[in-house]
Amino acid sequence: MSTRLNFLLGVILMLCALSLINAQYQARRLFIELERAQAQSRQYELQWTQLKLDQSTFGKHSRIEANASKELNMVPVTPERTQYLTAAGAN
């Protein structure tokens, strides 16, 4: 009887040890996955900051006006160049 009990306790001990090993493996795997997700989050945050900076730079009125005059040969509107249209009277 004692031999069977020792054998049963040994089997239970082995199963507990294997369960512990599996739990540690899963914890390590999840920790690595978490670290990767955090690194990706930091990368996305950096890209978002860069995009906000680009948006503020490209959206400035002076830059838009300079590009319009340089690349599209546009000039500011002056009163001398303005044409006013009048509507014909309705019948």
N, C-alpha and C. Protein backbone atom coordinates (compact mmCIF):
# COMPACT_ATOMS: atom_id res chain seq x y z
N MET A 1 0.81 -1.19 0.00
CA MET A 1 0.00 0.00 0.00
C MET A 1 0.86 1.26 0.00
N SER A 2 1.93 1.24 0.79
CA SER A 2 2.83 2.38 0.90
C SER A 2 3.52 2.65 -0.44
N THR A 3 3.85 1.58 -1.17
CA THR A 3 4.51 1.74 -2.46
C THR A 3 3.56 2.42 -3.46
N ARG A 4 2.30 1.99 -3.44
CA ARG A 4 1.32 2.61 -4.34
C ARG A 4 1.12 4.09 -4.00
N LEU A 5 1.07 4.39 -2.74
CA LEU A 5 0.88 5.78 -2.32
C LEU A 5 2.09 6.62 -2.74
N ASN A 6 3.29 6.08 -2.57
CA ASN A 6 4.50 6.80 -2.99
C ASN A 6 4.50 7.01 -4.50
N PHE A 7 4.10 5.98 -5.24
CA PHE A 7 4.05 6.09 -6.69
C PHE A 7 3.02 7.15 -7.11
N LEU A 8 1.85 7.12 -6.49
CA LEU A 8 0.81 8.10 -6.80
C LEU A 8 1.27 9.52 -6.46
N LEU A 9 1.90 9.70 -5.33
CA LEU A 9 2.42 11.02 -4.95
C LEU A 9 3.52 11.47 -5.92
N GLY A 10 4.34 10.52 -6.37
CA GLY A 10 5.39 10.84 -7.35
C GLY A 10 4.80 11.31 -8.67
N VAL A 11 3.74 10.62 -9.11
CA VAL A 11 3.07 11.02 -10.36
C VAL A 11 2.44 12.40 -10.20
N ILE A 12 1.79 12.64 -9.09
CA ILE A 12 1.18 13.95 -8.84
C ILE A 12 2.26 15.03 -8.80
N LEU A 13 3.39 14.72 -8.17
CA LEU A 13 4.51 15.66 -8.10
C LEU A 13 5.04 15.98 -9.50
N MET A 14 5.16 14.96 -10.34
CA MET A 14 5.64 15.17 -11.72
C MET A 14 4.65 16.03 -12.51
N LEU A 15 3.36 15.77 -12.34
CA LEU A 15 2.35 16.55 -13.05
C LEU A 15 2.37 18.01 -12.58
N CYS A 16 2.55 18.22 -11.30
CA CYS A 16 2.65 19.60 -10.77
C CYS A 16 3.89 20.29 -11.33
N ALA A 17 5.01 19.58 -11.41
CA ALA A 17 6.24 20.15 -11.95
C ALA A 17 6.06 20.53 -13.42
N LEU A 18 5.44 19.63 -14.20
CA LEU A 18 5.19 19.93 -15.61
C LEU A 18 4.24 21.10 -15.77
N SER A 19 3.24 21.18 -14.91
CA SER A 19 2.31 22.30 -14.95
C SER A 19 3.03 23.61 -14.63
N LEU A 20 3.93 23.59 -13.68
CA LEU A 20 4.70 24.78 -13.32
C LEU A 20 5.58 25.21 -14.49
N ILE A 21 6.24 24.25 -15.13
CA ILE A 21 7.09 24.57 -16.28
C ILE A 21 6.25 25.20 -17.39
N ASN A 22 5.08 24.63 -17.65
CA ASN A 22 4.20 25.17 -18.69
C ASN A 22 3.74 26.59 -18.33
N ALA A 23 3.40 26.82 -17.08
CA ALA A 23 2.96 28.15 -16.64
C ALA A 23 4.08 29.18 -16.81
N GLN A 24 5.31 28.79 -16.47
CA GLN A 24 6.43 29.71 -16.63
C GLN A 24 6.69 30.01 -18.10
N TYR A 25 6.56 29.00 -18.94
CA TYR A 25 6.75 29.19 -20.38
C TYR A 25 5.70 30.16 -20.92
N GLN A 26 4.45 29.97 -20.53
CA GLN A 26 3.37 30.85 -20.99
C GLN A 26 3.59 32.28 -20.49
N ALA A 27 4.03 32.42 -19.25
CA ALA A 27 4.29 33.76 -18.69
C ALA A 27 5.40 34.46 -19.46
N ARG A 28 6.46 33.73 -19.79
CA ARG A 28 7.56 34.33 -20.57
C ARG A 28 7.08 34.74 -21.96
N ARG A 29 6.30 33.86 -22.60
CA ARG A 29 5.80 34.14 -23.93
C ARG A 29 4.90 35.38 -23.92
N LEU A 30 4.03 35.48 -22.94
CA LEU A 30 3.15 36.64 -22.84
C LEU A 30 3.92 37.91 -22.51
N PHE A 31 4.96 37.80 -21.69
CA PHE A 31 5.79 38.96 -21.37
C PHE A 31 6.50 39.48 -22.62
N ILE A 32 7.03 38.57 -23.43
CA ILE A 32 7.70 38.97 -24.67
C ILE A 32 6.70 39.63 -25.62
N GLU A 33 5.50 39.07 -25.70
CA GLU A 33 4.46 39.66 -26.54
C GLU A 33 4.08 41.06 -26.05
N LEU A 34 4.00 41.22 -24.73
CA LEU A 34 3.70 42.53 -24.16
C LEU A 34 4.80 43.53 -24.48
N GLU A 35 6.04 43.13 -24.37
CA GLU A 35 7.15 44.03 -24.68
C GLU A 35 7.13 44.45 -26.15
N ARG A 36 6.82 43.52 -27.03
CA ARG A 36 6.73 43.86 -28.45
C ARG A 36 5.61 44.86 -28.69
N ALA A 37 4.47 44.63 -28.06
CA ALA A 37 3.34 45.55 -28.23
C ALA A 37 3.68 46.94 -27.68
N GLN A 38 4.39 47.00 -26.57
CA GLN A 38 4.78 48.29 -26.01
C GLN A 38 5.77 49.00 -26.93
N ALA A 39 6.71 48.25 -27.52
CA ALA A 39 7.67 48.86 -28.45
C ALA A 39 6.95 49.39 -29.68
N GLN A 40 5.98 48.63 -30.18
CA GLN A 40 5.21 49.08 -31.33
C GLN A 40 4.38 50.32 -30.97
N SER A 41 3.85 50.35 -29.76
CA SER A 41 3.09 51.51 -29.31
C SER A 41 3.98 52.75 -29.26
N ARG A 42 5.20 52.59 -28.76
CA ARG A 42 6.13 53.72 -28.72
C ARG A 42 6.47 54.18 -30.14
N GLN A 43 6.62 53.24 -31.07
CA GLN A 43 6.91 53.59 -32.46
C GLN A 43 5.74 54.36 -33.07
N TYR A 44 4.52 53.89 -32.81
CA TYR A 44 3.34 54.60 -33.31
C TYR A 44 3.23 55.99 -32.71
N GLU A 45 3.56 56.13 -31.46
CA GLU A 45 3.51 57.44 -30.80
C GLU A 45 4.52 58.39 -31.43
N LEU A 46 5.71 57.89 -31.73
CA LEU A 46 6.73 58.70 -32.39
C LEU A 46 6.27 59.12 -33.78
N GLN A 47 5.69 58.21 -34.53
CA GLN A 47 5.19 58.54 -35.86
C GLN A 47 4.06 59.56 -35.77
N TRP A 48 3.18 59.42 -34.79
CA TRP A 48 2.08 60.36 -34.62
C TRP A 48 2.60 61.76 -34.32
N THR A 49 3.62 61.84 -33.47
CA THR A 49 4.22 63.14 -33.16
C THR A 49 4.83 63.76 -34.41
N GLN A 50 5.51 62.93 -35.21
CA GLN A 50 6.12 63.43 -36.45
C GLN A 50 5.05 63.90 -37.43
N LEU A 51 3.95 63.16 -37.52
CA LEU A 51 2.87 63.56 -38.43
C LEU A 51 2.22 64.87 -37.98
N LYS A 52 2.05 65.06 -36.66
CA LYS A 52 1.48 66.31 -36.17
C LYS A 52 2.42 67.48 -36.48
N LEU A 53 3.72 67.24 -36.34
CA LEU A 53 4.69 68.28 -36.66
C LEU A 53 4.64 68.61 -38.15
N ASP A 54 4.59 67.59 -38.99
CA ASP A 54 4.49 67.81 -40.44
C ASP A 54 3.23 68.57 -40.79
N GLN A 55 2.12 68.20 -40.15
CA GLN A 55 0.85 68.88 -40.44
C GLN A 55 0.92 70.35 -40.06
N SER A 56 1.51 70.64 -38.92
CA SER A 56 1.60 72.04 -38.52
C SER A 56 2.55 72.82 -39.44
N THR A 57 3.59 72.16 -39.92
CA THR A 57 4.54 72.83 -40.83
C THR A 57 3.91 73.07 -42.19
N PHE A 58 3.28 72.04 -42.75
CA PHE A 58 2.72 72.15 -44.08
C PHE A 58 1.44 73.00 -44.12
N GLY A 59 0.80 73.16 -43.00
CA GLY A 59 -0.44 73.90 -42.96
C GLY A 59 -0.28 75.38 -42.68
N LYS A 60 0.93 75.85 -42.49
CA LYS A 60 1.14 77.27 -42.19
C LYS A 60 0.81 78.12 -43.41
N HIS A 61 0.16 79.24 -43.13
CA HIS A 61 -0.28 80.13 -44.20
C HIS A 61 0.90 80.63 -45.04
N SER A 62 1.99 81.00 -44.39
CA SER A 62 3.13 81.54 -45.13
C SER A 62 3.73 80.50 -46.08
N ARG A 63 3.76 79.24 -45.66
CA ARG A 63 4.31 78.18 -46.52
C ARG A 63 3.38 77.94 -47.71
N ILE A 64 2.08 77.94 -47.46
CA ILE A 64 1.12 77.74 -48.55
C ILE A 64 1.22 78.88 -49.55
N GLU A 65 1.31 80.11 -49.04
CA GLU A 65 1.41 81.27 -49.93
C GLU A 65 2.71 81.24 -50.73
N ALA A 66 3.81 80.85 -50.09
CA ALA A 66 5.09 80.78 -50.81
C ALA A 66 5.04 79.70 -51.90
N ASN A 67 4.48 78.55 -51.60
CA ASN A 67 4.37 77.49 -52.62
C ASN A 67 3.44 77.91 -53.75
N ALA A 68 2.37 78.61 -53.43
CA ALA A 68 1.43 79.05 -54.46
C ALA A 68 2.11 80.03 -55.41
N SER A 69 2.88 80.94 -54.88
CA SER A 69 3.53 81.92 -55.76
C SER A 69 4.71 81.31 -56.50
N LYS A 70 5.44 80.42 -55.88
CA LYS A 70 6.63 79.85 -56.51
C LYS A 70 6.27 78.76 -57.52
N GLU A 71 5.45 77.80 -57.13
CA GLU A 71 5.18 76.64 -57.98
C GLU A 71 4.02 76.87 -58.95
N LEU A 72 3.04 77.67 -58.54
CA LEU A 72 1.86 77.87 -59.39
C LEU A 72 1.83 79.26 -60.03
N ASN A 73 2.85 80.07 -59.75
CA ASN A 73 2.95 81.44 -60.29
C ASN A 73 1.70 82.26 -59.97
N MET A 74 1.18 82.10 -58.77
CA MET A 74 0.01 82.86 -58.34
C MET A 74 0.48 84.15 -57.69
N VAL A 75 -0.33 85.18 -57.81
CA VAL A 75 -0.01 86.46 -57.19
C VAL A 75 -1.18 86.88 -56.31
N PRO A 76 -0.93 87.69 -55.30
CA PRO A 76 -2.03 88.13 -54.44
C PRO A 76 -3.03 88.98 -55.22
N VAL A 77 -4.26 88.95 -54.81
CA VAL A 77 -5.31 89.74 -55.45
C VAL A 77 -5.20 91.18 -54.97
N THR A 78 -5.28 92.09 -55.93
CA THR A 78 -5.27 93.52 -55.60
C THR A 78 -6.57 94.13 -56.11
N PRO A 79 -6.95 95.29 -55.59
CA PRO A 79 -8.19 95.92 -56.07
C PRO A 79 -8.13 96.26 -57.56
N GLU A 80 -6.95 96.55 -58.08
CA GLU A 80 -6.83 96.89 -59.50
C GLU A 80 -7.13 95.67 -60.39
N ARG A 81 -6.86 94.47 -59.89
CA ARG A 81 -7.06 93.26 -60.68
C ARG A 81 -8.43 92.64 -60.45
N THR A 82 -9.20 93.19 -59.57
CA THR A 82 -10.49 92.62 -59.24
C THR A 82 -11.53 93.09 -60.25
N GLN A 83 -12.31 92.18 -60.75
CA GLN A 83 -13.40 92.51 -61.67
C GLN A 83 -14.71 92.24 -60.96
N TYR A 84 -15.57 93.23 -61.02
CA TYR A 84 -16.87 93.11 -60.35
C TYR A 84 -17.92 92.89 -61.44
N LEU A 85 -18.79 91.95 -61.23
CA LEU A 85 -19.85 91.65 -62.16
C LEU A 85 -21.17 92.14 -61.58
N THR A 86 -21.95 92.64 -62.44
CA THR A 86 -23.27 93.07 -61.98
C THR A 86 -24.30 92.18 -62.66
N ALA A 87 -25.34 91.89 -61.94
CA ALA A 87 -26.39 91.03 -62.49
C ALA A 87 -27.34 91.87 -63.30
N ALA A 88 -27.75 91.34 -64.41
CA ALA A 88 -28.73 92.04 -65.25
C ALA A 88 -30.07 92.02 -64.53
N GLY A 89 -30.85 93.03 -64.70
CA GLY A 89 -32.14 93.12 -64.03
C GLY A 89 -33.07 91.99 -64.45
N ALA A 90 -33.80 91.46 -63.53
CA ALA A 90 -34.74 90.38 -63.83
C ALA A 90 -36.01 90.94 -64.44
N ASN A 91 -36.53 90.27 -65.42
CA ASN A 91 -37.75 90.73 -66.11
C ASN A 91 -38.97 90.19 -65.46
